[in-house]
Amino acid sequence: EYGLILAGLLFLIGLAGVLLRRNLIVVLASIEVMLNAAGVAFVVAGARWGEADGEVMFIFMLVMAGAEVALGLVLATLFLRHFGRLDVDRARRMRG
């Protein structure tokens, strides 16, 4: 149960980072923390029931995290090139 408490705390920290910060890099890092919290919860639950499903889901989540980092880097590059800053609030002005 301590692992699930840790996962919950990590998820709340990530959620606070997404809701309170406006820098794109910090928002993407907070999403990464939230994904890791879900992965910890899967591993802890799989260990509790003696199944390998939690580890399999964690591997899938690592693949998703890699894709998120790649897309986040492209998005950050486009933001910086178009707006000159990595401020998420400026995305409201995007059209297309």
PDB file of N, CA and C in Angstrom:
ATOM      1  N   GLU A   1       0.814  -1.198   0.000  1.00  0.00           N
ATOM      2  CA  GLU A   1       0.000   0.000   0.000  1.00  0.00           C
ATOM      3  C   GLU A   1       0.855   1.259   0.000  1.00  0.00           C
ATOM      4  N   TYR A   2       2.101   1.173   0.482  1.00  0.00           N
ATOM      5  CA  TYR A   2       2.979   2.347   0.461  1.00  0.00           C
ATOM      6  C   TYR A   2       3.344   2.731  -0.974  1.00  0.00           C
ATOM      7  N   GLY A   3       3.458   1.745  -1.829  1.00  0.00           N
ATOM      8  CA  GLY A   3       3.748   2.030  -3.226  1.00  0.00           C
ATOM      9  C   GLY A   3       2.619   2.791  -3.893  1.00  0.00           C
ATOM     10  N   LEU A   4       1.392   2.451  -3.557  1.00  0.00           N
ATOM     11  CA  LEU A   4       0.245   3.168  -4.121  1.00  0.00           C
ATOM     12  C   LEU A   4       0.149   4.591  -3.574  1.00  0.00           C
ATOM     13  N   ILE A   5       0.532   4.767  -2.318  1.00  0.00           N
ATOM     14  CA  ILE A   5       0.570   6.125  -1.750  1.00  0.00           C
ATOM     15  C   ILE A   5       1.629   6.952  -2.464  1.00  0.00           C
ATOM     16  N   LEU A   6       2.792   6.349  -2.719  1.00  0.00           N
ATOM     17  CA  LEU A   6       3.847   7.033  -3.470  1.00  0.00           C
ATOM     18  C   LEU A   6       3.363   7.395  -4.871  1.00  0.00           C
ATOM     19  N   ALA A   7       2.686   6.466  -5.535  1.00  0.00           N
ATOM     20  CA  ALA A   7       2.170   6.736  -6.876  1.00  0.00           C
ATOM     21  C   ALA A   7       1.156   7.873  -6.845  1.00  0.00           C
ATOM     22  N   GLY A   8       0.297   7.897  -5.845  1.00  0.00           N
ATOM     23  CA  GLY A   8      -0.684   8.971  -5.724  1.00  0.00           C
ATOM     24  C   GLY A   8      -0.031  10.325  -5.504  1.00  0.00           C
ATOM     25  N   LEU A   9       0.986  10.351  -4.650  1.00  0.00           N
ATOM     26  CA  LEU A   9       1.699  11.610  -4.409  1.00  0.00           C
ATOM     27  C   LEU A   9       2.423  12.103  -5.660  1.00  0.00           C
ATOM     28  N   LEU A  10       3.056  11.173  -6.383  1.00  0.00           N
ATOM     29  CA  LEU A  10       3.727  11.566  -7.625  1.00  0.00           C
ATOM     30  C   LEU A  10       2.731  12.096  -8.642  1.00  0.00           C
ATOM     31  N   PHE A  11       1.569  11.455  -8.715  1.00  0.00           N
ATOM     32  CA  PHE A  11       0.552  11.912  -9.657  1.00  0.00           C
ATOM     33  C   PHE A  11       0.060  13.309  -9.289  1.00  0.00           C
ATOM     34  N   LEU A  12      -0.141  13.561  -8.001  1.00  0.00           N
ATOM     35  CA  LEU A  12      -0.586  14.890  -7.572  1.00  0.00           C
ATOM     36  C   LEU A  12       0.467  15.962  -7.846  1.00  0.00           C
ATOM     37  N   ILE A  13       1.733  15.623  -7.661  1.00  0.00           N
ATOM     38  CA  ILE A  13       2.806  16.574  -7.968  1.00  0.00           C
ATOM     39  C   ILE A  13       2.817  16.891  -9.458  1.00  0.00           C
ATOM     40  N   GLY A  14       2.665  15.863 -10.283  1.00  0.00           N
ATOM     41  CA  GLY A  14       2.618  16.086 -11.721  1.00  0.00           C
ATOM     42  C   GLY A  14       1.410  16.899 -12.142  1.00  0.00           C
ATOM     43  N   LEU A  15       0.267  16.610 -11.541  1.00  0.00           N
ATOM     44  CA  LEU A  15      -0.950  17.351 -11.864  1.00  0.00           C
ATOM     45  C   LEU A  15      -0.818  18.823 -11.477  1.00  0.00           C
ATOM     46  N   ALA A  16      -0.219  19.074 -10.326  1.00  0.00           N
ATOM     47  CA  ALA A  16       0.007  20.459  -9.900  1.00  0.00           C
ATOM     48  C   ALA A  16       0.938  21.172 -10.871  1.00  0.00           C
ATOM     49  N   GLY A  17       1.953  20.477 -11.365  1.00  0.00           N
ATOM     50  CA  GLY A  17       2.859  21.081 -12.335  1.00  0.00           C
ATOM     51  C   GLY A  17       2.168  21.418 -13.641  1.00  0.00           C
ATOM     52  N   VAL A  18       1.256  20.550 -14.078  1.00  0.00           N
ATOM     53  CA  VAL A  18       0.526  20.823 -15.323  1.00  0.00           C
ATOM     54  C   VAL A  18      -0.418  22.003 -15.148  1.00  0.00           C
ATOM     55  N   LEU A  19      -1.091  22.075 -14.019  1.00  0.00           N
ATOM     56  CA  LEU A  19      -2.092  23.116 -13.819  1.00  0.00           C
ATOM     57  C   LEU A  19      -1.503  24.472 -13.451  1.00  0.00           C
ATOM     58  N   LEU A  20      -0.364  24.495 -12.777  1.00  0.00           N
ATOM     59  CA  LEU A  20       0.156  25.756 -12.258  1.00  0.00           C
ATOM     60  C   LEU A  20       1.249  26.385 -13.105  1.00  0.00           C
ATOM     61  N   ARG A  21       1.949  25.622 -13.890  1.00  0.00           N
ATOM     62  CA  ARG A  21       3.077  26.164 -14.655  1.00  0.00           C
ATOM     63  C   ARG A  21       2.646  26.524 -16.068  1.00  0.00           C
ATOM     64  N   ARG A  22       3.365  27.443 -16.670  1.00  0.00           N
ATOM     65  CA  ARG A  22       3.057  27.873 -18.022  1.00  0.00           C
ATOM     66  C   ARG A  22       4.203  27.608 -19.005  1.00  0.00           C
ATOM     67  N   ASN A  23       5.340  27.175 -18.528  1.00  0.00           N
ATOM     68  CA  ASN A  23       6.457  26.852 -19.403  1.00  0.00           C
ATOM     69  C   ASN A  23       6.212  25.472 -20.017  1.00  0.00           C
ATOM     70  N   LEU A  24       6.377  25.353 -21.331  1.00  0.00           N
ATOM     71  CA  LEU A  24       6.072  24.112 -22.026  1.00  0.00           C
ATOM     72  C   LEU A  24       6.944  22.959 -21.553  1.00  0.00           C
ATOM     73  N   ILE A  25       8.204  23.197 -21.295  1.00  0.00           N
ATOM     74  CA  ILE A  25       9.110  22.141 -20.846  1.00  0.00           C
ATOM     75  C   ILE A  25       8.679  21.622 -19.474  1.00  0.00           C
ATOM     76  N   VAL A  26       8.288  22.504 -18.577  1.00  0.00           N
ATOM     77  CA  VAL A  26       7.840  22.096 -17.243  1.00  0.00           C
ATOM     78  C   VAL A  26       6.534  21.317 -17.336  1.00  0.00           C
ATOM     79  N   VAL A  27       5.643  21.729 -18.214  1.00  0.00           N
ATOM     80  CA  VAL A  27       4.376  21.014 -18.391  1.00  0.00           C
ATOM     81  C   VAL A  27       4.650  19.602 -18.915  1.00  0.00           C
ATOM     82  N   LEU A  28       5.534  19.474 -19.889  1.00  0.00           N
ATOM     83  CA  LEU A  28       5.861  18.150 -20.421  1.00  0.00           C
ATOM     84  C   LEU A  28       6.557  17.278 -19.371  1.00  0.00           C
ATOM     85  N   ALA A  29       7.413  17.859 -18.569  1.00  0.00           N
ATOM     86  CA  ALA A  29       8.056  17.093 -17.493  1.00  0.00           C
ATOM     87  C   ALA A  29       7.032  16.654 -16.448  1.00  0.00           C
ATOM     88  N   SER A  30       6.039  17.493 -16.186  1.00  0.00           N
ATOM     89  CA  SER A  30       4.990  17.125 -15.233  1.00  0.00           C
ATOM     90  C   SER A  30       4.137  15.984 -15.774  1.00  0.00           C
ATOM     91  N   ILE A  31       3.869  15.991 -17.068  1.00  0.00           N
ATOM     92  CA  ILE A  31       3.147  14.871 -17.672  1.00  0.00           C
ATOM     93  C   ILE A  31       3.966  13.594 -17.564  1.00  0.00           C
ATOM     94  N   GLU A  32       5.268  13.716 -17.714  1.00  0.00           N
ATOM     95  CA  GLU A  32       6.157  12.562 -17.557  1.00  0.00           C
ATOM     96  C   GLU A  32       6.103  12.014 -16.126  1.00  0.00           C
ATOM     97  N   VAL A  33       6.050  12.896 -15.142  1.00  0.00           N
ATOM     98  CA  VAL A  33       5.931  12.458 -13.742  1.00  0.00           C
ATOM     99  C   VAL A  33       4.604  11.731 -13.526  1.00  0.00           C
ATOM    100  N   MET A  34       3.537  12.235 -14.145  1.00  0.00           N
ATOM    101  CA  MET A  34       2.241  11.574 -14.017  1.00  0.00           C
ATOM    102  C   MET A  34       2.256  10.190 -14.659  1.00  0.00           C
ATOM    103  N   LEU A  35       2.908  10.047 -15.818  1.00  0.00           N
ATOM    104  CA  LEU A  35       3.027   8.730 -16.446  1.00  0.00           C
ATOM    105  C   LEU A  35       3.834   7.773 -15.577  1.00  0.00           C
ATOM    106  N   ASN A  36       4.904   8.267 -14.977  1.00  0.00           N
ATOM    107  CA  ASN A  36       5.703   7.417 -14.091  1.00  0.00           C
ATOM    108  C   ASN A  36       4.912   6.996 -12.852  1.00  0.00           C
ATOM    109  N   ALA A  37       4.072   7.881 -12.345  1.00  0.00           N
ATOM    110  CA  ALA A  37       3.233   7.522 -11.198  1.00  0.00           C
ATOM    111  C   ALA A  37       2.268   6.404 -11.560  1.00  0.00           C
ATOM    112  N   ALA A  38       1.681   6.488 -12.746  1.00  0.00           N
ATOM    113  CA  ALA A  38       0.792   5.411 -13.184  1.00  0.00           C
ATOM    114  C   ALA A  38       1.567   4.110 -13.360  1.00  0.00           C
ATOM    115  N   GLY A  39       2.789   4.198 -13.867  1.00  0.00           N
ATOM    116  CA  GLY A  39       3.621   3.008 -14.010  1.00  0.00           C
ATOM    117  C   GLY A  39       3.961   2.375 -12.675  1.00  0.00           C
ATOM    118  N   VAL A  40       4.269   3.187 -11.687  1.00  0.00           N
ATOM    119  CA  VAL A  40       4.543   2.663 -10.344  1.00  0.00           C
ATOM    120  C   VAL A  40       3.308   1.969  -9.787  1.00  0.00           C
ATOM    121  N   ALA A  41       2.147   2.552 -10.010  1.00  0.00           N
ATOM    122  CA  ALA A  41       0.907   1.933  -9.532  1.00  0.00           C
ATOM    123  C   ALA A  41       0.674   0.581 -10.206  1.00  0.00           C
ATOM    124  N   PHE A  42       0.944   0.497 -11.507  1.00  0.00           N
ATOM    125  CA  PHE A  42       0.792  -0.782 -12.202  1.00  0.00           C
ATOM    126  C   PHE A  42       1.750  -1.833 -11.664  1.00  0.00           C
ATOM    127  N   VAL A  43       3.001  -1.462 -11.445  1.00  0.00           N
ATOM    128  CA  VAL A  43       3.991  -2.416 -10.944  1.00  0.00           C
ATOM    129  C   VAL A  43       3.637  -2.881  -9.534  1.00  0.00           C
ATOM    130  N   VAL A  44       3.214  -1.961  -8.681  1.00  0.00           N
ATOM    131  CA  VAL A  44       2.844  -2.321  -7.308  1.00  0.00           C
ATOM    132  C   VAL A  44       1.623  -3.243  -7.305  1.00  0.00           C
ATOM    133  N   ALA A  45       0.638  -2.936  -8.130  1.00  0.00           N
ATOM    134  CA  ALA A  45      -0.551  -3.775  -8.196  1.00  0.00           C
ATOM    135  C   ALA A  45      -0.216  -5.152  -8.758  1.00  0.00           C
ATOM    136  N   GLY A  46       0.643  -5.208  -9.765  1.00  0.00           N
ATOM    137  CA  GLY A  46       1.053  -6.499 -10.313  1.00  0.00           C
ATOM    138  C   GLY A  46       1.829  -7.331  -9.299  1.00  0.00           C
ATOM    139  N   ALA A  47       2.676  -6.672  -8.516  1.00  0.00           N
ATOM    140  CA  ALA A  47       3.418  -7.393  -7.481  1.00  0.00           C
ATOM    141  C   ALA A  47       2.494  -7.879  -6.371  1.00  0.00           C
ATOM    142  N   ARG A  48       1.471  -7.127  -6.081  1.00  0.00           N
ATOM    143  CA  ARG A  48       0.519  -7.512  -5.028  1.00  0.00           C
ATOM    144  C   ARG A  48      -0.231  -8.776  -5.388  1.00  0.00           C
ATOM    145  N   TRP A  49      -0.631  -8.875  -6.670  1.00  0.00           N
ATOM    146  CA  TRP A  49      -1.391 -10.046  -7.093  1.00  0.00           C
ATOM    147  C   TRP A  49      -0.529 -11.125  -7.726  1.00  0.00           C
ATOM    148  N   GLY A  50       0.774 -10.900  -7.784  1.00  0.00           N
ATOM    149  CA  GLY A  50       1.684 -11.917  -8.299  1.00  0.00           C
ATOM    150  C   GLY A  50       1.575 -12.122  -9.799  1.00  0.00           C
ATOM    151  N   GLU A  51       1.187 -11.116 -10.521  1.00  0.00           N
ATOM    152  CA  GLU A  51       1.052 -11.203 -11.972  1.00  0.00           C
ATOM    153  C   GLU A  51       2.095 -10.307 -12.636  1.00  0.00           C
ATOM    154  N   ALA A  52       2.417 -10.632 -13.883  1.00  0.00           N
ATOM    155  CA  ALA A  52       3.396  -9.839 -14.625  1.00  0.00           C
ATOM    156  C   ALA A  52       2.736  -8.747 -15.457  1.00  0.00           C
ATOM    157  N   ASP A  53       1.440  -8.592 -15.334  1.00  0.00           N
ATOM    158  CA  ASP A  53       0.723  -7.593 -16.138  1.00  0.00           C
ATOM    159  C   ASP A  53       1.182  -6.173 -15.834  1.00  0.00           C
ATOM    160  N   GLY A  54       1.514  -5.900 -14.585  1.00  0.00           N
ATOM    161  CA  GLY A  54       1.965  -4.561 -14.218  1.00  0.00           C
ATOM    162  C   GLY A  54       3.264  -4.187 -14.909  1.00  0.00           C
ATOM    163  N   GLU A  55       4.193  -5.129 -14.993  1.00  0.00           N
ATOM    164  CA  GLU A  55       5.461  -4.859 -15.663  1.00  0.00           C
ATOM    165  C   GLU A  55       5.269  -4.675 -17.162  1.00  0.00           C
ATOM    166  N   VAL A  56       4.359  -5.447 -17.753  1.00  0.00           N
ATOM    167  CA  VAL A  56       4.080  -5.308 -19.182  1.00  0.00           C
ATOM    168  C   VAL A  56       3.489  -3.929 -19.472  1.00  0.00           C
ATOM    169  N   MET A  57       2.554  -3.484 -18.641  1.00  0.00           N
ATOM    170  CA  MET A  57       1.973  -2.152 -18.823  1.00  0.00           C
ATOM    171  C   MET A  57       3.021  -1.062 -18.623  1.00  0.00           C
ATOM    172  N   PHE A  58       3.954  -1.280 -17.691  1.00  0.00           N
ATOM    173  CA  PHE A  58       4.999  -0.289 -17.473  1.00  0.00           C
ATOM    174  C   PHE A  58       5.910  -0.176 -18.688  1.00  0.00           C
ATOM    175  N   ILE A  59       6.230  -1.299 -19.327  1.00  0.00           N
ATOM    176  CA  ILE A  59       7.040  -1.257 -20.555  1.00  0.00           C
ATOM    177  C   ILE A  59       6.294  -0.496 -21.644  1.00  0.00           C
ATOM    178  N   PHE A  60       4.981  -0.732 -21.771  1.00  0.00           N
ATOM    179  CA  PHE A  60       4.174   0.008 -22.739  1.00  0.00           C
ATOM    180  C   PHE A  60       4.197   1.496 -22.418  1.00  0.00           C
ATOM    181  N   MET A  61       4.132   1.846 -21.150  1.00  0.00           N
ATOM    182  CA  MET A  61       4.151   3.250 -20.752  1.00  0.00           C
ATOM    183  C   MET A  61       5.512   3.888 -21.023  1.00  0.00           C
ATOM    184  N   LEU A  62       6.595   3.121 -20.921  1.00  0.00           N
ATOM    185  CA  LEU A  62       7.907   3.656 -21.274  1.00  0.00           C
ATOM    186  C   LEU A  62       7.982   3.992 -22.762  1.00  0.00           C
ATOM    187  N   VAL A  63       7.362   3.166 -23.599  1.00  0.00           N
ATOM    188  CA  VAL A  63       7.319   3.452 -25.031  1.00  0.00           C
ATOM    189  C   VAL A  63       6.521   4.726 -25.282  1.00  0.00           C
ATOM    190  N   MET A  64       5.385   4.864 -24.578  1.00  0.00           N
ATOM    191  CA  MET A  64       4.585   6.077 -24.714  1.00  0.00           C
ATOM    192  C   MET A  64       5.357   7.303 -24.245  1.00  0.00           C
ATOM    193  N   ALA A  65       6.120   7.159 -23.178  1.00  0.00           N
ATOM    194  CA  ALA A  65       6.902   8.293 -22.668  1.00  0.00           C
ATOM    195  C   ALA A  65       7.967   8.708 -23.676  1.00  0.00           C
ATOM    196  N   GLY A  66       8.580   7.751 -24.348  1.00  0.00           N
ATOM    197  CA  GLY A  66       9.557   8.083 -25.383  1.00  0.00           C
ATOM    198  C   GLY A  66       8.927   8.844 -26.533  1.00  0.00           C
ATOM    199  N   ALA A  67       7.735   8.424 -26.929  1.00  0.00           N
ATOM    200  CA  ALA A  67       7.027   9.135 -27.997  1.00  0.00           C
ATOM    201  C   ALA A  67       6.633  10.536 -27.534  1.00  0.00           C
ATOM    202  N   GLU A  68       6.246  10.653 -26.275  1.00  0.00           N
ATOM    203  CA  GLU A  68       5.875  11.973 -25.739  1.00  0.00           C
ATOM    204  C   GLU A  68       7.073  12.919 -25.721  1.00  0.00           C
ATOM    205  N   VAL A  69       8.227  12.409 -25.381  1.00  0.00           N
ATOM    206  CA  VAL A  69       9.431  13.244 -25.360  1.00  0.00           C
ATOM    207  C   VAL A  69       9.781  13.690 -26.777  1.00  0.00           C
ATOM    208  N   ALA A  70       9.678  12.795 -27.739  1.00  0.00           N
ATOM    209  CA  ALA A  70       9.997  13.155 -29.119  1.00  0.00           C
ATOM    210  C   ALA A  70       9.031  14.223 -29.641  1.00  0.00           C
ATOM    211  N   LEU A  71       7.744  14.032 -29.429  1.00  0.00           N
ATOM    212  CA  LEU A  71       6.767  15.023 -29.877  1.00  0.00           C
ATOM    213  C   LEU A  71       6.885  16.327 -29.091  1.00  0.00           C
ATOM    214  N   GLY A  72       7.196  16.230 -27.819  1.00  0.00           N
ATOM    215  CA  GLY A  72       7.377  17.430 -27.004  1.00  0.00           C
ATOM    216  C   GLY A  72       8.560  18.258 -27.468  1.00  0.00           C
ATOM    217  N   LEU A  73       9.632  17.602 -27.877  1.00  0.00           N
ATOM    218  CA  LEU A  73      10.793  18.330 -28.389  1.00  0.00           C
ATOM    219  C   LEU A  73      10.455  19.055 -29.685  1.00  0.00           C
ATOM    220  N   VAL A  74       9.709  18.397 -30.561  1.00  0.00           N
ATOM    221  CA  VAL A  74       9.283  19.049 -31.804  1.00  0.00           C
ATOM    222  C   VAL A  74       8.364  20.224 -31.496  1.00  0.00           C
ATOM    223  N   LEU A  75       7.421  20.016 -30.577  1.00  0.00           N
ATOM    224  CA  LEU A  75       6.491  21.080 -30.215  1.00  0.00           C
ATOM    225  C   LEU A  75       7.217  22.258 -29.577  1.00  0.00           C
ATOM    226  N   ALA A  76       8.176  21.984 -28.720  1.00  0.00           N
ATOM    227  CA  ALA A  76       8.938  23.059 -28.085  1.00  0.00           C
ATOM    228  C   ALA A  76       9.757  23.825 -29.111  1.00  0.00           C
ATOM    229  N   THR A  77      10.327  23.123 -30.082  1.00  0.00           N
ATOM    230  CA  THR A  77      11.088  23.797 -31.130  1.00  0.00           C
ATOM    231  C   THR A  77      10.190  24.709 -31.960  1.00  0.00           C
ATOM    232  N   LEU A  78       8.992  24.222 -32.307  1.00  0.00           N
ATOM    233  CA  LEU A  78       8.055  25.038 -33.077  1.00  0.00           C
ATOM    234  C   LEU A  78       7.561  26.239 -32.280  1.00  0.00           C
ATOM    235  N   PHE A  79       7.283  26.032 -30.998  1.00  0.00           N
ATOM    236  CA  PHE A  79       6.869  27.140 -30.133  1.00  0.00           C
ATOM    237  C   PHE A  79       7.945  28.212 -30.083  1.00  0.00           C
ATOM    238  N   LEU A  80       9.164  27.778 -29.855  1.00  0.00           N
ATOM    239  CA  LEU A  80      10.262  28.732 -29.727  1.00  0.00           C
ATOM    240  C   LEU A  80      10.499  29.473 -31.043  1.00  0.00           C
ATOM    241  N   ARG A  81      10.388  28.777 -32.136  1.00  0.00           N
ATOM    242  CA  ARG A  81      10.602  29.405 -33.439  1.00  0.00           C
ATOM    243  C   ARG A  81       9.477  30.391 -33.777  1.00  0.00           C
ATOM    244  N   HIS A  82       8.247  30.026 -33.425  1.00  0.00           N
ATOM    245  CA  HIS A  82       7.099  30.858 -33.805  1.00  0.00           C
ATOM    246  C   HIS A  82       6.877  32.025 -32.835  1.00  0.00           C
ATOM    247  N   PHE A  83       6.991  31.774 -31.528  1.00  0.00           N
ATOM    248  CA  PHE A  83       6.661  32.792 -30.526  1.00  0.00           C
ATOM    249  C   PHE A  83       7.877  33.427 -29.872  1.00  0.00           C
ATOM    250  N   GLY A  84       9.025  32.763 -29.918  1.00  0.00           N
ATOM    251  CA  GLY A  84      10.211  33.300 -29.260  1.00  0.00           C
ATOM    252  C   GLY A  84      10.289  32.954 -27.782  1.00  0.00           C
ATOM    253  N   ARG A  85       9.236  32.343 -27.242  1.00  0.00           N
ATOM    254  CA  ARG A  85       9.195  31.916 -25.831  1.00  0.00           C
ATOM    255  C   ARG A  85       8.481  30.576 -25.749  1.00  0.00           C
ATOM    256  N   LEU A  86       8.629  29.902 -24.626  1.00  0.00           N
ATOM    257  CA  LEU A  86       7.962  28.626 -24.421  1.00  0.00           C
ATOM    258  C   LEU A  86       6.760  28.771 -23.493  1.00  0.00           C
ATOM    259  N   ASP A  87       6.005  29.837 -23.650  1.00  0.00           N
ATOM    260  CA  ASP A  87       4.847  30.118 -22.820  1.00  0.00           C
ATOM    261  C   ASP A  87       3.613  29.431 -23.408  1.00  0.00           C
ATOM    262  N   VAL A  88       2.964  28.598 -22.610  1.00  0.00           N
ATOM    263  CA  VAL A  88       1.818  27.831 -23.081  1.00  0.00           C
ATOM    264  C   VAL A  88       0.623  28.742 -23.358  1.00  0.00           C
ATOM    265  N   ASP A  89       0.496  29.836 -22.645  1.00  0.00           N
ATOM    266  CA  ASP A  89      -0.627  30.749 -22.857  1.00  0.00           C
ATOM    267  C   ASP A  89      -0.617  31.368 -24.257  1.00  0.00           C
ATOM    268  N   ARG A  90       0.527  31.432 -24.868  1.00  0.00           N
ATOM    269  CA  ARG A  90       0.599  31.993 -26.216  1.00  0.00           C
ATOM    270  C   ARG A  90       0.029  31.040 -27.263  1.00  0.00           C
ATOM    271  N   ALA A  91      -0.236  29.798 -26.902  1.00  0.00           N
ATOM    272  CA  ALA A  91      -0.784  28.834 -27.850  1.00  0.00           C
ATOM    273  C   ALA A  91      -2.211  29.194 -28.248  1.00  0.00           C
ATOM    274  N   ARG A  92      -2.878  30.005 -27.482  1.00  0.00           N
ATOM    275  CA  ARG A  92      -4.228  30.424 -27.838  1.00  0.00           C
ATOM    276  C   ARG A  92      -4.261  31.205 -29.134  1.00  0.00           C
ATOM    277  N   ARG A  93      -3.152  31.845 -29.462  1.00  0.00           N
ATOM    278  CA  ARG A  93      -3.095  32.649 -30.683  1.00  0.00           C
ATOM    279  C   ARG A  93      -2.784  31.821 -31.915  1.00  0.00           C
ATOM    280  N   MET A  94      -2.510  30.530 -31.734  1.00  0.00           N
ATOM    281  CA  MET A  94      -2.185  29.684 -32.880  1.00  0.00           C
ATOM    282  C   MET A  94      -3.452  29.412 -33.685  1.00  0.00           C
ATOM    283  N   ARG A  95      -3.303  29.400 -34.967  1.00  0.00           N
ATOM    284  CA  ARG A  95      -4.412  29.082 -35.862  1.00  0.00           C
ATOM    285  C   ARG A  95      -3.891  28.116 -36.919  1.00  0.00           C
ATOM    286  N   GLY A  96      -4.810  27.331 -37.442  1.00  0.00           N
ATOM    287  CA  GLY A  96      -4.385  26.469 -38.530  1.00  0.00           C
ATOM    288  C   GLY A  96      -4.799  25.118 -38.450  1.00  0.00           C
TER     289      GLY A  96
END
